[in-house]
N, C-alpha and C. Protein backbone atom coordinates (compact mmCIF):
# COMPACT_ATOMS: atom_id res chain seq x y z
N MET A 1 0.84 -1.18 0.00
CA MET A 1 0.00 0.00 0.00
C MET A 1 0.89 1.24 0.00
N THR A 2 0.64 2.15 -0.89
CA THR A 2 1.44 3.37 -1.01
C THR A 2 0.85 4.47 -0.14
N GLN A 3 1.69 5.10 0.62
CA GLN A 3 1.22 6.22 1.45
C GLN A 3 1.45 7.53 0.71
N ASN A 4 0.50 8.44 0.81
CA ASN A 4 0.65 9.76 0.21
C ASN A 4 1.57 10.61 1.06
N LYS A 5 2.40 11.39 0.40
CA LYS A 5 3.26 12.32 1.12
C LYS A 5 2.41 13.45 1.67
N SER A 6 2.82 13.99 2.77
CA SER A 6 2.09 15.10 3.39
C SER A 6 2.11 16.33 2.50
N MET A 7 0.98 17.02 2.45
CA MET A 7 0.91 18.27 1.69
C MET A 7 1.67 19.38 2.41
N ASN A 8 2.04 19.16 3.66
CA ASN A 8 2.73 20.17 4.44
C ASN A 8 4.24 20.04 4.39
N SER A 9 4.77 19.18 3.55
CA SER A 9 6.22 19.04 3.48
C SER A 9 6.84 20.31 2.90
N LEU A 10 8.02 20.62 3.36
CA LEU A 10 8.70 21.84 2.95
C LEU A 10 9.45 21.65 1.64
N ILE A 11 9.51 22.71 0.88
CA ILE A 11 10.26 22.73 -0.37
C ILE A 11 11.44 23.67 -0.15
N GLU A 12 12.62 23.22 -0.50
CA GLU A 12 13.79 24.07 -0.32
C GLU A 12 13.79 25.18 -1.36
N LEU A 13 13.89 26.42 -0.87
CA LEU A 13 13.95 27.61 -1.72
C LEU A 13 15.04 28.52 -1.19
N PRO A 14 15.57 29.37 -2.05
CA PRO A 14 16.52 30.37 -1.55
C PRO A 14 15.80 31.32 -0.58
N GLU A 15 16.51 31.80 0.41
CA GLU A 15 15.88 32.67 1.41
C GLU A 15 15.36 33.96 0.80
N TRP A 16 15.98 34.45 -0.29
CA TRP A 16 15.48 35.67 -0.91
C TRP A 16 14.06 35.47 -1.42
N HIS A 17 13.74 34.23 -1.78
CA HIS A 17 12.38 33.94 -2.26
C HIS A 17 11.37 34.11 -1.12
N LEU A 18 11.74 33.71 0.07
CA LEU A 18 10.88 33.91 1.23
C LEU A 18 10.71 35.40 1.52
N ILE A 19 11.79 36.16 1.43
CA ILE A 19 11.71 37.61 1.64
C ILE A 19 10.71 38.22 0.66
N GLN A 20 10.80 37.84 -0.60
CA GLN A 20 9.87 38.38 -1.60
C GLN A 20 8.43 37.96 -1.30
N SER A 21 8.24 36.75 -0.82
CA SER A 21 6.90 36.28 -0.47
C SER A 21 6.31 37.10 0.67
N ILE A 22 7.14 37.41 1.66
CA ILE A 22 6.67 38.22 2.79
C ILE A 22 6.33 39.63 2.32
N ARG A 23 7.18 40.21 1.49
CA ARG A 23 6.90 41.55 0.96
C ARG A 23 5.59 41.57 0.17
N TYR A 24 5.34 40.53 -0.59
CA TYR A 24 4.09 40.42 -1.34
C TYR A 24 2.90 40.29 -0.39
N SER A 25 3.09 39.57 0.71
CA SER A 25 2.01 39.25 1.64
C SER A 25 1.59 40.41 2.54
N LEU A 26 2.51 41.30 2.84
CA LEU A 26 2.23 42.32 3.85
C LEU A 26 0.93 43.10 3.63
N PRO A 27 0.62 43.57 2.43
CA PRO A 27 -0.63 44.34 2.29
C PRO A 27 -1.86 43.48 1.99
N ARG A 28 -1.79 42.20 2.22
CA ARG A 28 -2.89 41.30 1.86
C ARG A 28 -3.37 40.48 3.05
N ALA A 29 -4.47 39.78 2.88
CA ALA A 29 -4.95 38.85 3.90
C ALA A 29 -3.99 37.66 3.91
N THR A 30 -3.27 37.47 5.01
CA THR A 30 -2.06 36.66 4.95
C THR A 30 -1.88 35.68 6.09
N TYR A 31 -2.92 35.19 6.70
CA TYR A 31 -2.74 34.35 7.87
C TYR A 31 -1.84 33.14 7.60
N ASP A 32 -2.03 32.48 6.48
CA ASP A 32 -1.22 31.29 6.17
C ASP A 32 0.26 31.63 6.07
N ASN A 33 0.57 32.77 5.48
CA ASN A 33 1.97 33.19 5.37
C ASN A 33 2.57 33.48 6.73
N ILE A 34 1.79 34.05 7.62
CA ILE A 34 2.27 34.32 8.97
C ILE A 34 2.61 33.01 9.67
N ALA A 35 1.74 32.03 9.58
CA ALA A 35 1.98 30.74 10.22
C ALA A 35 3.23 30.06 9.65
N THR A 36 3.39 30.14 8.34
CA THR A 36 4.57 29.54 7.70
C THR A 36 5.85 30.23 8.16
N LEU A 37 5.83 31.54 8.20
CA LEU A 37 7.01 32.28 8.63
C LEU A 37 7.37 31.94 10.08
N ARG A 38 6.37 31.84 10.92
CA ARG A 38 6.61 31.49 12.32
C ARG A 38 7.31 30.12 12.40
N ASP A 39 6.86 29.17 11.58
CA ASP A 39 7.46 27.83 11.60
C ASP A 39 8.89 27.82 11.06
N LEU A 40 9.15 28.62 10.05
CA LEU A 40 10.47 28.61 9.40
C LEU A 40 11.51 29.49 10.11
N TRP A 41 11.07 30.39 10.95
CA TRP A 41 11.94 31.41 11.53
C TRP A 41 13.25 30.85 12.10
N PRO A 42 13.22 29.81 12.91
CA PRO A 42 14.48 29.32 13.50
C PRO A 42 15.49 28.83 12.47
N GLN A 43 15.04 28.46 11.29
CA GLN A 43 15.92 27.91 10.26
C GLN A 43 16.54 28.97 9.37
N LEU A 44 16.07 30.21 9.47
CA LEU A 44 16.55 31.27 8.57
C LEU A 44 17.85 31.87 9.08
N SER A 45 18.63 32.38 8.17
CA SER A 45 19.88 33.04 8.55
C SER A 45 19.55 34.34 9.28
N SER A 46 20.49 34.81 10.06
CA SER A 46 20.26 36.06 10.79
C SER A 46 20.07 37.24 9.84
N ALA A 47 20.75 37.22 8.71
CA ALA A 47 20.59 38.30 7.72
C ALA A 47 19.17 38.32 7.16
N THR A 48 18.63 37.16 6.84
CA THR A 48 17.26 37.08 6.33
C THR A 48 16.26 37.51 7.40
N ARG A 49 16.47 37.08 8.63
CA ARG A 49 15.58 37.48 9.72
C ARG A 49 15.58 38.99 9.90
N ARG A 50 16.75 39.61 9.81
CA ARG A 50 16.83 41.08 9.95
C ARG A 50 16.04 41.78 8.85
N VAL A 51 16.19 41.32 7.62
CA VAL A 51 15.48 41.93 6.49
C VAL A 51 13.96 41.79 6.68
N ILE A 52 13.51 40.61 7.06
CA ILE A 52 12.08 40.38 7.24
C ILE A 52 11.53 41.24 8.38
N LEU A 53 12.25 41.31 9.49
CA LEU A 53 11.80 42.16 10.60
C LEU A 53 11.71 43.62 10.16
N LYS A 54 12.70 44.08 9.41
CA LYS A 54 12.69 45.46 8.91
C LYS A 54 11.49 45.69 8.00
N ASP A 55 11.23 44.75 7.11
CA ASP A 55 10.10 44.89 6.18
C ASP A 55 8.76 44.93 6.92
N ILE A 56 8.60 44.05 7.91
CA ILE A 56 7.35 44.03 8.67
C ILE A 56 7.20 45.34 9.44
N LYS A 57 8.27 45.77 10.09
CA LYS A 57 8.21 47.02 10.87
C LYS A 57 7.83 48.20 9.98
N GLU A 58 8.45 48.30 8.82
CA GLU A 58 8.14 49.41 7.90
C GLU A 58 6.70 49.35 7.41
N ALA A 59 6.21 48.16 7.12
CA ALA A 59 4.82 48.02 6.66
C ALA A 59 3.85 48.43 7.76
N LEU A 60 4.15 48.05 8.99
CA LEU A 60 3.28 48.42 10.10
C LEU A 60 3.33 49.93 10.35
N GLU A 61 4.51 50.52 10.25
CA GLU A 61 4.64 51.98 10.43
C GLU A 61 3.90 52.75 9.34
N ARG A 62 3.93 52.23 8.12
CA ARG A 62 3.22 52.88 7.00
C ARG A 62 1.75 52.53 6.99
N ASN A 63 1.37 51.59 7.87
CA ASN A 63 -0.01 51.15 7.96
C ASN A 63 -0.48 50.56 6.62
N THR A 64 0.37 49.77 5.98
CA THR A 64 0.04 49.21 4.67
C THR A 64 -0.61 47.83 4.74
N CYS A 65 -0.77 47.29 5.96
CA CYS A 65 -1.48 46.01 6.08
C CYS A 65 -2.95 46.27 5.78
N MET A 66 -3.56 45.38 5.01
CA MET A 66 -4.87 45.65 4.42
C MET A 66 -5.99 45.83 5.44
N GLN A 67 -6.18 44.92 6.35
CA GLN A 67 -7.30 44.96 7.27
C GLN A 67 -6.80 44.99 8.70
N SER A 68 -7.64 45.42 9.62
CA SER A 68 -7.21 45.52 11.01
C SER A 68 -6.80 44.17 11.58
N ILE A 69 -7.49 43.09 11.16
CA ILE A 69 -7.10 41.77 11.66
C ILE A 69 -5.71 41.41 11.16
N ASP A 70 -5.38 41.79 9.94
CA ASP A 70 -4.04 41.54 9.43
C ASP A 70 -3.01 42.36 10.19
N GLN A 71 -3.33 43.60 10.48
CA GLN A 71 -2.41 44.43 11.25
C GLN A 71 -2.16 43.81 12.62
N TYR A 72 -3.22 43.36 13.25
CA TYR A 72 -3.08 42.71 14.56
C TYR A 72 -2.17 41.49 14.46
N ASN A 73 -2.42 40.64 13.47
CA ASN A 73 -1.63 39.42 13.31
C ASN A 73 -0.17 39.71 12.98
N TRP A 74 0.07 40.70 12.11
CA TRP A 74 1.46 41.06 11.78
C TRP A 74 2.15 41.67 12.98
N ARG A 75 1.46 42.52 13.76
CA ARG A 75 2.07 43.09 14.97
C ARG A 75 2.41 42.00 15.98
N LYS A 76 1.49 41.07 16.16
CA LYS A 76 1.72 39.96 17.09
C LYS A 76 2.92 39.14 16.62
N LEU A 77 2.97 38.81 15.35
CA LEU A 77 4.10 38.06 14.82
C LEU A 77 5.40 38.83 14.98
N PHE A 78 5.39 40.11 14.67
CA PHE A 78 6.58 40.94 14.78
C PHE A 78 7.13 40.89 16.21
N THR A 79 6.24 41.02 17.19
CA THR A 79 6.66 40.95 18.60
C THR A 79 7.25 39.59 18.93
N GLU A 80 6.59 38.54 18.47
CA GLU A 80 7.08 37.18 18.72
C GLU A 80 8.47 36.96 18.11
N LEU A 81 8.64 37.40 16.87
CA LEU A 81 9.91 37.18 16.20
C LEU A 81 11.03 37.98 16.83
N GLN A 82 10.73 39.19 17.27
CA GLN A 82 11.74 40.01 17.94
C GLN A 82 12.21 39.33 19.24
N GLU A 83 11.30 38.67 19.92
CA GLU A 83 11.66 37.99 21.17
C GLU A 83 12.63 36.85 20.94
N HIS A 84 12.65 36.31 19.73
CA HIS A 84 13.53 35.19 19.40
C HIS A 84 14.88 35.64 18.86
N GLU A 85 15.08 36.94 18.76
CA GLU A 85 16.35 37.45 18.25
C GLU A 85 17.34 37.65 19.37
């Protein structure tokens, strides 16, 4: 009997691709991206983490997150990620 591989398995990508995905996600409804970033955070290089934190901070300061629930979730994530630095 053949078992199906999990749909949640990770695909190896360059870290710059993740940075671009986060930048794309910031002004949109993005809960899934937030959860993925939270899971991947420990595996990212410190340089990538710094860039992502900077991008999130700037988006929150410019108030470019689309809806208040997204702003809340991005702020919560930003605080969590800063605590792990």
